[in-house]
Amino acid sequence: MYQDRQAAGEVLAAKLAARPFGPLAILAVPRGGIVVAAPIARRLNTRLGVLVTRKIGHPANPEVAVGAVMADGSAILDQALINRTGVSQDYLQQAITAEYAELKRRLVLYTGSEQPAPVAGKTAVIVDDGIATGYTVRAAITWLKTLHPAKIVLAVPVAPPETLAELAGEVDEIICPLQPESLMAVGMYYQEFPQNTDKEVLAILKEING
């Protein structure tokens, strides 16, 4: 268990610093992932990028992802689940439009631009505060590959081994120090797991990126 996101980031920073990755692009998933990634960016003396995605929830249960919207407006959909549960195209289009609007709002707020961070030819390190099912991060990885990074590394403090095994074939390396067999909620593995605010995120990005 970690004390807080800052402490988890320090653990990841030490592990990443020991690897010769070359040029890096640190991409943190807001909001909690920004707090985890801050010690990494400081330790590696690099800028802190933002990887904003938005889950498309099932109309009958918003916690179940039927897809995810990426920073360029494209959507990656779980077509098998959509077909099996009869999710309508009208719902999907409305959800994609709404989630993309929120994604753009966050991206502009955090970075001042609607454009994703440049990763071509660099090792892209995706950082979040933890992974449960992994669908959204899997979608993000699929999209990130279209931007042609040299490598993709997934760095998270906690995730179940089953999910990591599913993601292993999608990335070049996974760094995850804590891998509980049964993960009900990411917050269970932190002593302090507050809801982070936009104000906190902006302060971290300003400190690191100037």
N, C-alpha and C. Protein backbone atom coordinates (compact mmCIF):
# COMPACT_ATOMS: atom_id res chain seq x y z
N MET A 1 0.84 -1.20 0.00
CA MET A 1 0.00 0.00 0.00
C MET A 1 0.88 1.26 0.00
N TYR A 2 0.41 2.28 -0.71
CA TYR A 2 1.13 3.54 -0.80
C TYR A 2 0.54 4.57 0.17
N GLN A 3 1.37 5.48 0.63
CA GLN A 3 0.88 6.57 1.48
C GLN A 3 -0.08 7.45 0.69
N ASP A 4 0.36 7.88 -0.50
CA ASP A 4 -0.46 8.73 -1.36
C ASP A 4 0.08 8.66 -2.77
N ARG A 5 -0.50 9.43 -3.69
CA ARG A 5 -0.07 9.39 -5.09
C ARG A 5 1.36 9.88 -5.26
N GLN A 6 1.75 10.87 -4.47
CA GLN A 6 3.12 11.38 -4.52
C GLN A 6 4.11 10.26 -4.20
N ALA A 7 3.85 9.51 -3.14
CA ALA A 7 4.73 8.42 -2.75
C ALA A 7 4.79 7.34 -3.83
N ALA A 8 3.64 7.05 -4.43
CA ALA A 8 3.60 6.07 -5.52
C ALA A 8 4.45 6.54 -6.70
N GLY A 9 4.37 7.84 -6.99
CA GLY A 9 5.17 8.40 -8.08
C GLY A 9 6.66 8.31 -7.82
N GLU A 10 7.06 8.47 -6.57
CA GLU A 10 8.48 8.36 -6.22
C GLU A 10 8.98 6.94 -6.50
N VAL A 11 8.16 5.95 -6.19
CA VAL A 11 8.54 4.56 -6.45
C VAL A 11 8.72 4.32 -7.95
N LEU A 12 7.77 4.79 -8.73
CA LEU A 12 7.86 4.64 -10.19
C LEU A 12 9.05 5.41 -10.76
N ALA A 13 9.30 6.59 -10.22
CA ALA A 13 10.41 7.42 -10.71
C ALA A 13 11.73 6.70 -10.54
N ALA A 14 11.93 6.05 -9.40
CA ALA A 14 13.18 5.33 -9.16
C ALA A 14 13.35 4.19 -10.15
N LYS A 15 12.26 3.50 -10.46
CA LYS A 15 12.35 2.38 -11.41
C LYS A 15 12.59 2.86 -12.83
N LEU A 16 11.94 3.95 -13.22
CA LEU A 16 12.14 4.49 -14.57
C LEU A 16 13.53 5.08 -14.74
N ALA A 17 14.07 5.71 -13.69
CA ALA A 17 15.38 6.34 -13.77
C ALA A 17 16.49 5.32 -14.02
N ALA A 18 16.23 4.07 -13.66
CA ALA A 18 17.24 3.03 -13.82
C ALA A 18 17.28 2.44 -15.22
N ARG A 19 16.39 2.92 -16.11
CA ARG A 19 16.30 2.35 -17.45
C ARG A 19 16.75 3.37 -18.50
N PRO A 20 17.56 2.94 -19.46
CA PRO A 20 18.06 3.86 -20.51
C PRO A 20 17.08 3.99 -21.67
N PHE A 21 16.06 4.79 -21.49
CA PHE A 21 15.02 4.90 -22.50
C PHE A 21 15.36 5.86 -23.64
N GLY A 22 16.26 6.79 -23.45
CA GLY A 22 16.49 7.81 -24.45
C GLY A 22 15.45 8.91 -24.33
N PRO A 23 15.15 9.62 -25.43
CA PRO A 23 14.18 10.72 -25.37
C PRO A 23 12.82 10.23 -24.87
N LEU A 24 12.25 10.97 -23.91
CA LEU A 24 11.02 10.55 -23.25
C LEU A 24 9.87 11.52 -23.49
N ALA A 25 8.67 10.98 -23.49
CA ALA A 25 7.45 11.78 -23.42
C ALA A 25 6.62 11.18 -22.31
N ILE A 26 6.54 11.88 -21.16
CA ILE A 26 5.73 11.42 -20.05
C ILE A 26 4.30 11.88 -20.28
N LEU A 27 3.37 10.94 -20.34
CA LEU A 27 1.97 11.25 -20.61
C LEU A 27 1.12 10.78 -19.43
N ALA A 28 0.60 11.71 -18.66
CA ALA A 28 -0.15 11.38 -17.46
C ALA A 28 -1.65 11.49 -17.73
N VAL A 29 -2.40 10.57 -17.14
CA VAL A 29 -3.85 10.56 -17.27
C VAL A 29 -4.44 11.40 -16.14
N PRO A 30 -5.16 12.49 -16.46
CA PRO A 30 -5.72 13.33 -15.40
C PRO A 30 -6.86 12.59 -14.69
N ARG A 31 -7.13 12.97 -13.43
CA ARG A 31 -6.34 13.94 -12.70
C ARG A 31 -5.28 13.26 -11.84
N GLY A 32 -5.65 12.10 -11.26
CA GLY A 32 -4.74 11.44 -10.34
C GLY A 32 -3.40 11.08 -10.94
N GLY A 33 -3.40 10.72 -12.22
CA GLY A 33 -2.15 10.35 -12.87
C GLY A 33 -1.16 11.49 -12.96
N ILE A 34 -1.66 12.72 -12.97
CA ILE A 34 -0.78 13.89 -13.00
C ILE A 34 0.03 13.96 -11.70
N VAL A 35 -0.64 13.71 -10.58
CA VAL A 35 0.04 13.76 -9.28
C VAL A 35 1.09 12.66 -9.19
N VAL A 36 0.77 11.47 -9.68
CA VAL A 36 1.73 10.36 -9.69
C VAL A 36 2.91 10.67 -10.60
N ALA A 37 2.64 11.29 -11.74
CA ALA A 37 3.69 11.54 -12.73
C ALA A 37 4.62 12.68 -12.36
N ALA A 38 4.18 13.57 -11.47
CA ALA A 38 5.01 14.73 -11.12
C ALA A 38 6.40 14.34 -10.61
N PRO A 39 6.53 13.41 -9.66
CA PRO A 39 7.87 13.02 -9.22
C PRO A 39 8.70 12.38 -10.33
N ILE A 40 8.02 11.72 -11.26
CA ILE A 40 8.74 11.11 -12.38
C ILE A 40 9.35 12.18 -13.27
N ALA A 41 8.54 13.18 -13.62
CA ALA A 41 9.04 14.26 -14.47
C ALA A 41 10.18 15.01 -13.80
N ARG A 42 10.06 15.23 -12.49
CA ARG A 42 11.14 15.92 -11.77
C ARG A 42 12.41 15.08 -11.77
N ARG A 43 12.29 13.80 -11.46
CA ARG A 43 13.45 12.91 -11.37
C ARG A 43 14.14 12.77 -12.72
N LEU A 44 13.36 12.69 -13.79
CA LEU A 44 13.92 12.48 -15.12
C LEU A 44 14.18 13.79 -15.86
N ASN A 45 13.85 14.90 -15.20
CA ASN A 45 14.10 16.23 -15.76
C ASN A 45 13.49 16.37 -17.16
N THR A 46 12.19 16.09 -17.24
CA THR A 46 11.50 16.17 -18.52
C THR A 46 10.15 16.85 -18.34
N ARG A 47 9.54 17.27 -19.41
CA ARG A 47 8.22 17.89 -19.36
C ARG A 47 7.17 16.84 -19.03
N LEU A 48 6.05 17.33 -18.58
CA LEU A 48 4.95 16.46 -18.21
C LEU A 48 3.79 16.68 -19.17
N GLY A 49 3.53 15.70 -20.00
CA GLY A 49 2.44 15.78 -20.95
C GLY A 49 1.15 15.21 -20.35
N VAL A 50 0.06 15.44 -21.05
CA VAL A 50 -1.25 15.02 -20.57
C VAL A 50 -1.88 14.10 -21.61
N LEU A 51 -2.39 12.97 -21.15
CA LEU A 51 -3.08 12.03 -22.03
C LEU A 51 -4.54 11.97 -21.58
N VAL A 52 -5.37 12.71 -22.27
CA VAL A 52 -6.79 12.79 -21.90
C VAL A 52 -7.58 11.84 -22.78
N THR A 53 -8.29 10.92 -22.14
CA THR A 53 -9.26 10.08 -22.83
C THR A 53 -10.57 10.17 -22.06
N ARG A 54 -11.65 9.79 -22.70
CA ARG A 54 -12.95 9.80 -22.03
C ARG A 54 -13.66 8.48 -22.31
N LYS A 55 -14.07 7.83 -21.24
CA LYS A 55 -14.79 6.57 -21.38
C LYS A 55 -16.20 6.81 -21.92
N ILE A 56 -16.66 5.93 -22.78
CA ILE A 56 -18.05 5.91 -23.22
C ILE A 56 -18.75 4.82 -22.42
N GLY A 57 -19.60 5.22 -21.49
CA GLY A 57 -20.27 4.25 -20.63
C GLY A 57 -21.46 3.60 -21.30
N HIS A 58 -21.77 2.39 -20.89
CA HIS A 58 -22.96 1.69 -21.38
C HIS A 58 -24.20 2.43 -20.89
N PRO A 59 -25.22 2.58 -21.72
CA PRO A 59 -26.42 3.33 -21.29
C PRO A 59 -27.11 2.72 -20.08
N ALA A 60 -27.00 1.41 -19.89
CA ALA A 60 -27.64 0.77 -18.74
C ALA A 60 -26.75 0.76 -17.51
N ASN A 61 -25.45 0.96 -17.70
CA ASN A 61 -24.50 0.97 -16.58
C ASN A 61 -23.27 1.77 -16.99
N PRO A 62 -23.24 3.07 -16.64
CA PRO A 62 -22.16 3.95 -17.10
C PRO A 62 -20.77 3.51 -16.66
N GLU A 63 -20.67 2.64 -15.64
CA GLU A 63 -19.37 2.17 -15.19
C GLU A 63 -18.75 1.17 -16.17
N VAL A 64 -19.58 0.57 -17.00
CA VAL A 64 -19.11 -0.40 -17.99
C VAL A 64 -18.76 0.34 -19.28
N ALA A 65 -17.51 0.23 -19.72
CA ALA A 65 -17.07 0.94 -20.91
C ALA A 65 -17.46 0.18 -22.18
N VAL A 66 -18.08 0.89 -23.11
CA VAL A 66 -18.32 0.31 -24.43
C VAL A 66 -17.38 0.93 -25.46
N GLY A 67 -16.56 1.87 -25.00
CA GLY A 67 -15.60 2.51 -25.89
C GLY A 67 -14.90 3.64 -25.18
N ALA A 68 -14.07 4.33 -25.92
CA ALA A 68 -13.35 5.48 -25.37
C ALA A 68 -13.08 6.47 -26.50
N VAL A 69 -13.10 7.75 -26.15
CA VAL A 69 -12.84 8.82 -27.11
C VAL A 69 -11.41 9.31 -26.91
N MET A 70 -10.70 9.53 -28.01
CA MET A 70 -9.30 9.94 -27.97
C MET A 70 -9.16 11.44 -28.23
N ALA A 71 -7.94 11.94 -28.10
CA ALA A 71 -7.68 13.38 -28.17
C ALA A 71 -7.92 13.97 -29.55
N ASP A 72 -7.95 13.15 -30.58
CA ASP A 72 -8.20 13.66 -31.93
C ASP A 72 -9.67 13.53 -32.32
N GLY A 73 -10.52 13.09 -31.38
CA GLY A 73 -11.94 12.95 -31.66
C GLY A 73 -12.35 11.58 -32.13
N SER A 74 -11.39 10.72 -32.40
CA SER A 74 -11.72 9.37 -32.82
C SER A 74 -12.20 8.56 -31.63
N ALA A 75 -12.98 7.53 -31.90
CA ALA A 75 -13.49 6.67 -30.84
C ALA A 75 -13.08 5.23 -31.11
N ILE A 76 -12.65 4.55 -30.07
CA ILE A 76 -12.34 3.12 -30.14
C ILE A 76 -13.46 2.41 -29.41
N LEU A 77 -14.16 1.50 -30.11
CA LEU A 77 -15.38 0.91 -29.59
C LEU A 77 -15.23 -0.59 -29.38
N ASP A 78 -15.88 -1.08 -28.34
CA ASP A 78 -15.96 -2.52 -28.10
C ASP A 78 -17.17 -3.03 -28.86
N GLN A 79 -16.96 -3.30 -30.15
CA GLN A 79 -18.08 -3.62 -31.04
C GLN A 79 -18.81 -4.89 -30.62
N ALA A 80 -18.06 -5.85 -30.10
CA ALA A 80 -18.71 -7.10 -29.67
C ALA A 80 -19.70 -6.85 -28.54
N LEU A 81 -19.28 -6.03 -27.56
CA LEU A 81 -20.17 -5.71 -26.43
C LEU A 81 -21.35 -4.87 -26.91
N ILE A 82 -21.10 -3.94 -27.80
CA ILE A 82 -22.16 -3.09 -28.34
C ILE A 82 -23.21 -3.93 -29.05
N ASN A 83 -22.76 -4.87 -29.87
CA ASN A 83 -23.70 -5.73 -30.61
C ASN A 83 -24.46 -6.66 -29.66
N ARG A 84 -23.73 -7.19 -28.68
CA ARG A 84 -24.33 -8.18 -27.77
C ARG A 84 -25.40 -7.55 -26.88
N THR A 85 -25.22 -6.28 -26.53
CA THR A 85 -26.15 -5.64 -25.59
C THR A 85 -27.09 -4.63 -26.27
N GLY A 86 -26.98 -4.53 -27.57
CA GLY A 86 -27.93 -3.72 -28.32
C GLY A 86 -27.83 -2.22 -28.12
N VAL A 87 -26.61 -1.72 -27.93
CA VAL A 87 -26.41 -0.28 -27.79
C VAL A 87 -26.66 0.39 -29.14
N SER A 88 -27.48 1.42 -29.17
CA SER A 88 -27.87 2.04 -30.44
C SER A 88 -26.78 2.97 -30.97
N GLN A 89 -26.79 3.15 -32.26
CA GLN A 89 -25.84 4.07 -32.90
C GLN A 89 -26.14 5.52 -32.51
N ASP A 90 -27.42 5.83 -32.31
CA ASP A 90 -27.77 7.19 -31.88
C ASP A 90 -27.15 7.49 -30.52
N TYR A 91 -27.26 6.54 -29.60
CA TYR A 91 -26.66 6.74 -28.27
C TYR A 91 -25.15 6.92 -28.40
N LEU A 92 -24.52 6.07 -29.19
CA LEU A 92 -23.06 6.14 -29.33
C LEU A 92 -22.63 7.49 -29.88
N GLN A 93 -23.33 7.99 -30.89
CA GLN A 93 -22.95 9.25 -31.49
C GLN A 93 -23.11 10.40 -30.50
N GLN A 94 -24.21 10.40 -29.76
CA GLN A 94 -24.43 11.44 -28.77
C GLN A 94 -23.37 11.38 -27.66
N ALA A 95 -23.05 10.15 -27.23
CA ALA A 95 -22.05 9.99 -26.17
C ALA A 95 -20.67 10.42 -26.64
N ILE A 96 -20.31 10.06 -27.87
CA ILE A 96 -19.01 10.44 -28.41
C ILE A 96 -18.89 11.97 -28.50
N THR A 97 -19.96 12.61 -28.97
CA THR A 97 -19.96 14.07 -29.10
C THR A 97 -19.79 14.73 -27.73
N ALA A 98 -20.54 14.25 -26.74
CA ALA A 98 -20.49 14.84 -25.40
C ALA A 98 -19.13 14.61 -24.74
N GLU A 99 -18.61 13.40 -24.85
CA GLU A 99 -17.33 13.09 -24.20
C GLU A 99 -16.17 13.81 -24.90
N TYR A 100 -16.25 13.99 -26.20
CA TYR A 100 -15.19 14.71 -26.91
C TYR A 100 -15.19 16.18 -26.51
N ALA A 101 -16.37 16.75 -26.30
CA ALA A 101 -16.44 18.15 -25.85
C ALA A 101 -15.75 18.31 -24.50
N GLU A 102 -16.00 17.37 -23.58
CA GLU A 102 -15.37 17.43 -22.26
C GLU A 102 -13.87 17.17 -22.36
N LEU A 103 -13.49 16.26 -23.24
CA LEU A 103 -12.06 15.98 -23.45
C LEU A 103 -11.33 17.23 -23.93
N LYS A 104 -11.90 17.91 -24.92
CA LYS A 104 -11.27 19.12 -25.44
C LYS A 104 -11.18 20.20 -24.36
N ARG A 105 -12.23 20.31 -23.55
CA ARG A 105 -12.21 21.30 -22.47
C ARG A 105 -11.04 21.04 -21.53
N ARG A 106 -10.86 19.79 -21.16
CA ARG A 106 -9.78 19.46 -20.24
C ARG A 106 -8.41 19.64 -20.90
N LEU A 107 -8.30 19.24 -22.16
CA LEU A 107 -7.01 19.34 -22.84
C LEU A 107 -6.59 20.80 -22.97
N VAL A 108 -7.52 21.66 -23.36
CA VAL A 108 -7.21 23.09 -23.47
C VAL A 108 -6.91 23.68 -22.11
N LEU A 109 -7.68 23.29 -21.10
CA LEU A 109 -7.46 23.80 -19.74
C LEU A 109 -6.06 23.43 -19.24
N TYR A 110 -5.67 22.18 -19.45
CA TYR A 110 -4.41 21.69 -18.91
C TYR A 110 -3.19 22.07 -19.75
N THR A 111 -3.37 22.16 -21.07
CA THR A 111 -2.20 22.35 -21.93
C THR A 111 -2.25 23.61 -22.78
N GLY A 112 -3.42 24.26 -22.87
CA GLY A 112 -3.55 25.43 -23.72
C GLY A 112 -3.72 25.11 -25.19
N SER A 113 -3.88 23.82 -25.52
CA SER A 113 -3.99 23.40 -26.92
C SER A 113 -4.91 22.21 -27.02
N GLU A 114 -5.55 22.06 -28.18
CA GLU A 114 -6.36 20.87 -28.44
C GLU A 114 -5.53 19.73 -29.01
N GLN A 115 -4.25 19.99 -29.28
CA GLN A 115 -3.40 19.00 -29.90
C GLN A 115 -2.72 18.13 -28.84
N PRO A 116 -2.61 16.82 -29.08
CA PRO A 116 -1.91 15.95 -28.14
C PRO A 116 -0.42 16.23 -28.12
N ALA A 117 0.25 15.81 -27.05
CA ALA A 117 1.69 16.01 -26.94
C ALA A 117 2.42 15.22 -28.02
N PRO A 118 3.49 15.79 -28.62
CA PRO A 118 4.24 15.07 -29.66
C PRO A 118 5.02 13.91 -29.05
N VAL A 119 4.90 12.74 -29.66
CA VAL A 119 5.60 11.55 -29.14
C VAL A 119 6.41 10.82 -30.21
N ALA A 120 6.35 11.27 -31.44
CA ALA A 120 7.02 10.55 -32.53
C ALA A 120 8.52 10.39 -32.23
N GLY A 121 9.00 9.15 -32.33
CA GLY A 121 10.41 8.86 -32.13
C GLY A 121 10.85 8.82 -30.68
N LYS A 122 9.93 9.06 -29.74
CA LYS A 122 10.27 9.06 -28.32
C LYS A 122 9.70 7.83 -27.62
N THR A 123 10.21 7.54 -26.44
CA THR A 123 9.58 6.54 -25.58
C THR A 123 8.44 7.20 -24.85
N ALA A 124 7.21 6.79 -25.16
CA ALA A 124 6.03 7.36 -24.52
C ALA A 124 5.73 6.56 -23.25
N VAL A 125 5.74 7.24 -22.11
CA VAL A 125 5.47 6.59 -20.83
C VAL A 125 4.09 7.04 -20.35
N ILE A 126 3.15 6.10 -20.33
CA ILE A 126 1.80 6.39 -19.87
C ILE A 126 1.75 6.18 -18.36
N VAL A 127 1.29 7.19 -17.63
CA VAL A 127 1.24 7.13 -16.16
C VAL A 127 -0.18 7.38 -15.68
N ASP A 128 -0.66 6.49 -14.81
CA ASP A 128 -1.94 6.71 -14.14
C ASP A 128 -1.78 6.28 -12.68
N ASP A 129 -2.79 6.54 -11.85
CA ASP A 129 -2.65 6.17 -10.44
C ASP A 129 -3.03 4.73 -10.17
N GLY A 130 -3.48 4.02 -11.20
CA GLY A 130 -3.81 2.62 -11.07
C GLY A 130 -4.73 2.18 -12.18
N ILE A 131 -4.84 0.87 -12.37
CA ILE A 131 -5.68 0.31 -13.43
C ILE A 131 -6.54 -0.79 -12.83
N ALA A 132 -7.82 -0.80 -13.18
CA ALA A 132 -8.70 -1.88 -12.77
C ALA A 132 -8.96 -2.80 -13.97
N THR A 133 -9.95 -2.46 -14.80
CA THR A 133 -10.25 -3.31 -15.96
C THR A 133 -9.30 -3.10 -17.11
N GLY A 134 -8.82 -1.86 -17.28
CA GLY A 134 -7.83 -1.59 -18.31
C GLY A 134 -8.37 -1.22 -19.67
N TYR A 135 -9.72 -1.15 -19.82
CA TYR A 135 -10.23 -0.87 -21.17
C TYR A 135 -9.81 0.49 -21.69
N THR A 136 -9.95 1.52 -20.87
CA THR A 136 -9.63 2.87 -21.34
C THR A 136 -8.16 3.02 -21.67
N VAL A 137 -7.28 2.47 -20.85
CA VAL A 137 -5.85 2.57 -21.15
C VAL A 137 -5.51 1.74 -22.39
N ARG A 138 -6.20 0.63 -22.59
CA ARG A 138 -5.97 -0.17 -23.80
C ARG A 138 -6.35 0.63 -25.05
N ALA A 139 -7.45 1.34 -24.96
CA ALA A 139 -7.87 2.19 -26.07
C ALA A 139 -6.86 3.30 -26.31
N ALA A 140 -6.36 3.90 -25.21
CA ALA A 140 -5.36 4.96 -25.33
C ALA A 140 -4.09 4.45 -26.00
N ILE A 141 -3.68 3.25 -25.65
CA ILE A 141 -2.47 2.66 -26.25
C ILE A 141 -2.67 2.45 -27.76
N THR A 142 -3.84 1.94 -28.12
CA THR A 142 -4.15 1.72 -29.54
C THR A 142 -4.06 3.02 -30.32
N TRP A 143 -4.64 4.08 -29.75
CA TRP A 143 -4.59 5.39 -30.42
C TRP A 143 -3.17 5.94 -30.44
N LEU A 144 -2.45 5.79 -29.33
CA LEU A 144 -1.11 6.35 -29.21
C LEU A 144 -0.18 5.78 -30.28
N LYS A 145 -0.40 4.54 -30.66
CA LYS A 145 0.45 3.91 -31.68
C LYS A 145 0.37 4.64 -33.02
N THR A 146 -0.76 5.31 -33.27
CA THR A 146 -0.90 6.04 -34.53
C THR A 146 -0.02 7.28 -34.57
N LEU A 147 0.52 7.69 -33.41
CA LEU A 147 1.40 8.86 -33.35
C LEU A 147 2.88 8.48 -33.45
N HIS A 148 3.15 7.19 -33.61
CA HIS A 148 4.47 6.65 -33.93
C HIS A 148 5.55 6.92 -32.87
N PRO A 149 5.29 6.59 -31.61
CA PRO A 149 6.38 6.64 -30.63
C PRO A 149 7.38 5.52 -30.91
N ALA A 150 8.61 5.70 -30.44
CA ALA A 150 9.61 4.64 -30.60
C ALA A 150 9.25 3.43 -29.75
N LYS A 151 8.77 3.68 -28.52
CA LYS A 151 8.33 2.63 -27.61
C LYS A 151 7.16 3.16 -26.79
N ILE A 152 6.41 2.24 -26.22
CA ILE A 152 5.36 2.61 -25.27
C ILE A 152 5.59 1.84 -23.98
N VAL A 153 5.69 2.59 -22.89
CA VAL A 153 5.87 2.00 -21.56
C VAL A 153 4.66 2.38 -20.71
N LEU A 154 4.10 1.41 -20.04
CA LEU A 154 2.99 1.66 -19.12
C LEU A 154 3.54 1.62 -17.70
N ALA A 155 3.40 2.73 -16.97
CA ALA A 155 3.92 2.83 -15.60
C ALA A 155 2.78 3.19 -14.66
N VAL A 156 2.38 2.24 -13.83
CA VAL A 156 1.30 2.46 -12.88
C VAL A 156 1.67 1.86 -11.52
N PRO A 157 1.21 2.45 -10.43
CA PRO A 157 1.56 1.93 -9.11
C PRO A 157 0.90 0.60 -8.78
N VAL A 158 -0.35 0.40 -9.27
CA VAL A 158 -1.09 -0.79 -8.90
C VAL A 158 -2.03 -1.22 -10.02
N ALA A 159 -2.09 -2.54 -10.23
CA ALA A 159 -3.00 -3.11 -11.23
C ALA A 159 -3.02 -4.63 -11.01
N PRO A 160 -4.13 -5.30 -11.33
CA PRO A 160 -4.18 -6.75 -11.17
C PRO A 160 -3.37 -7.45 -12.26
N PRO A 161 -2.72 -8.57 -11.94
CA PRO A 161 -1.88 -9.27 -12.92
C PRO A 161 -2.64 -9.72 -14.16
N GLU A 162 -3.92 -10.06 -14.00
CA GLU A 162 -4.70 -10.50 -15.15
C GLU A 162 -4.83 -9.37 -16.19
N THR A 163 -5.10 -8.17 -15.70
CA THR A 163 -5.21 -7.02 -16.60
C THR A 163 -3.86 -6.70 -17.24
N LEU A 164 -2.80 -6.76 -16.45
CA LEU A 164 -1.46 -6.48 -16.98
C LEU A 164 -1.07 -7.50 -18.04
N ALA A 165 -1.45 -8.75 -17.85
CA ALA A 165 -1.16 -9.79 -18.83
C ALA A 165 -1.86 -9.48 -20.16
N GLU A 166 -3.08 -8.97 -20.08
CA GLU A 166 -3.82 -8.61 -21.29
C GLU A 166 -3.17 -7.42 -22.00
N LEU A 167 -2.58 -6.51 -21.22
CA LEU A 167 -1.97 -5.31 -21.80
C LEU A 167 -0.54 -5.55 -22.27
N ALA A 168 0.09 -6.62 -21.81
CA ALA A 168 1.51 -6.84 -22.08
C ALA A 168 1.82 -6.91 -23.57
N GLY A 169 0.91 -7.47 -24.34
CA GLY A 169 1.14 -7.58 -25.77
C GLY A 169 0.96 -6.28 -26.52
N GLU A 170 0.44 -5.25 -25.84
CA GLU A 170 0.15 -3.98 -26.49
C GLU A 170 1.25 -2.93 -26.30
N VAL A 171 2.15 -3.17 -25.33
CA VAL A 171 3.18 -2.19 -25.01
C VAL A 171 4.55 -2.87 -24.99
N ASP A 172 5.61 -2.06 -24.94
CA ASP A 172 6.96 -2.61 -24.93
C ASP A 172 7.41 -3.00 -23.52
N GLU A 173 6.87 -2.33 -22.51
CA GLU A 173 7.25 -2.64 -21.13
C GLU A 173 6.18 -2.15 -20.18
N ILE A 174 6.01 -2.90 -19.10
CA ILE A 174 5.09 -2.51 -18.03
C ILE A 174 5.87 -2.42 -16.73
N ILE A 175 5.69 -1.31 -16.02
CA ILE A 175 6.26 -1.14 -14.69
C ILE A 175 5.10 -0.98 -13.71
N CYS A 176 4.93 -1.97 -12.85
CA CYS A 176 3.83 -1.95 -11.88
C CYS A 176 4.27 -2.68 -10.63
N PRO A 177 4.71 -1.95 -9.60
CA PRO A 177 5.25 -2.59 -8.41
C PRO A 177 4.25 -3.41 -7.60
N LEU A 178 2.98 -3.00 -7.59
CA LEU A 178 1.98 -3.65 -6.75
C LEU A 178 0.93 -4.30 -7.64
N GLN A 179 0.82 -5.64 -7.53
CA GLN A 179 -0.08 -6.38 -8.41
C GLN A 179 -0.97 -7.34 -7.61
N PRO A 180 -1.98 -6.82 -6.94
CA PRO A 180 -2.89 -7.67 -6.16
C PRO A 180 -3.75 -8.54 -7.07
N GLU A 181 -4.00 -9.77 -6.64
CA GLU A 181 -4.80 -10.70 -7.45
C GLU A 181 -6.22 -10.18 -7.66
N SER A 182 -6.78 -9.60 -6.62
CA SER A 182 -8.15 -9.09 -6.71
C SER A 182 -8.14 -7.59 -6.40
N LEU A 183 -8.49 -6.79 -7.40
CA LEU A 183 -8.49 -5.34 -7.22
C LEU A 183 -9.91 -4.83 -7.37
N MET A 184 -10.54 -4.52 -6.24
CA MET A 184 -11.91 -4.01 -6.28
C MET A 184 -11.94 -2.53 -6.64
N ALA A 185 -10.96 -1.77 -6.10
CA ALA A 185 -10.88 -0.34 -6.37
C ALA A 185 -9.44 0.12 -6.17
N VAL A 186 -8.97 0.98 -7.05
CA VAL A 186 -7.59 1.46 -6.97
C VAL A 186 -7.33 2.15 -5.63
N GLY A 187 -8.29 2.92 -5.15
CA GLY A 187 -8.12 3.67 -3.91
C GLY A 187 -7.86 2.82 -2.69
N MET A 188 -8.16 1.52 -2.75
CA MET A 188 -7.92 0.62 -1.62
C MET A 188 -6.43 0.46 -1.32
N TYR A 189 -5.61 0.80 -2.29
CA TYR A 189 -4.17 0.56 -2.15
C TYR A 189 -3.40 1.85 -1.85
N TYR A 190 -4.14 2.87 -1.42
CA TYR A 190 -3.57 4.13 -0.96
C TYR A 190 -4.14 4.46 0.41
N GLN A 191 -3.28 4.91 1.33
CA GLN A 191 -3.77 5.38 2.61
C GLN A 191 -4.54 6.69 2.45
N GLU A 192 -4.05 7.54 1.54
CA GLU A 192 -4.72 8.80 1.22
C GLU A 192 -5.00 8.83 -0.28
N PHE A 193 -6.28 8.97 -0.65
CA PHE A 193 -6.66 8.93 -2.06
C PHE A 193 -7.74 9.97 -2.34
N PRO A 194 -7.40 11.26 -2.13
CA PRO A 194 -8.40 12.30 -2.33
C PRO A 194 -8.72 12.53 -3.81
N GLN A 195 -9.86 13.13 -4.04
CA GLN A 195 -10.22 13.54 -5.40
C GLN A 195 -9.40 14.76 -5.76
N ASN A 196 -8.59 14.67 -6.78
CA ASN A 196 -7.77 15.81 -7.18
C ASN A 196 -8.60 16.83 -7.97
N THR A 197 -8.19 18.09 -7.88
CA THR A 197 -8.92 19.16 -8.55
C THR A 197 -8.14 19.68 -9.75
N ASP A 198 -8.86 20.40 -10.63
CA ASP A 198 -8.19 21.05 -11.76
C ASP A 198 -7.12 22.02 -11.26
N LYS A 199 -7.41 22.71 -10.15
CA LYS A 199 -6.44 23.66 -9.61
C LYS A 199 -5.13 22.98 -9.24
N GLU A 200 -5.22 21.81 -8.62
CA GLU A 200 -4.00 21.06 -8.27
C GLU A 200 -3.24 20.63 -9.52
N VAL A 201 -3.97 20.14 -10.49
CA VAL A 201 -3.34 19.69 -11.74
C VAL A 201 -2.62 20.84 -12.43
N LEU A 202 -3.29 21.99 -12.52
CA LEU A 202 -2.70 23.15 -13.18
C LEU A 202 -1.45 23.63 -12.45
N ALA A 203 -1.47 23.57 -11.12
CA ALA A 203 -0.29 24.00 -10.34
C ALA A 203 0.89 23.09 -10.62
N ILE A 204 0.66 21.79 -10.71
CA ILE A 204 1.73 20.84 -11.00
C ILE A 204 2.29 21.06 -12.40
N LEU A 205 1.41 21.21 -13.37
CA LEU A 205 1.86 21.41 -14.76
C LEU A 205 2.64 22.71 -14.90
N LYS A 206 2.20 23.77 -14.22
CA LYS A 206 2.90 25.04 -14.28
C LYS A 206 4.29 24.94 -13.66
N GLU A 207 4.37 24.23 -12.52
CA GLU A 207 5.66 24.08 -11.84
C GLU A 207 6.65 23.32 -12.72
N ILE A 208 6.20 22.25 -13.35
CA ILE A 208 7.12 21.39 -14.09
C ILE A 208 7.40 21.92 -15.50
N ASN A 209 6.36 22.40 -16.17
CA ASN A 209 6.53 22.82 -17.57
C ASN A 209 6.81 24.30 -17.73
N GLY A 210 6.59 25.09 -16.67
CA GLY A 210 6.85 26.52 -16.76
C GLY A 210 5.73 27.29 -17.42
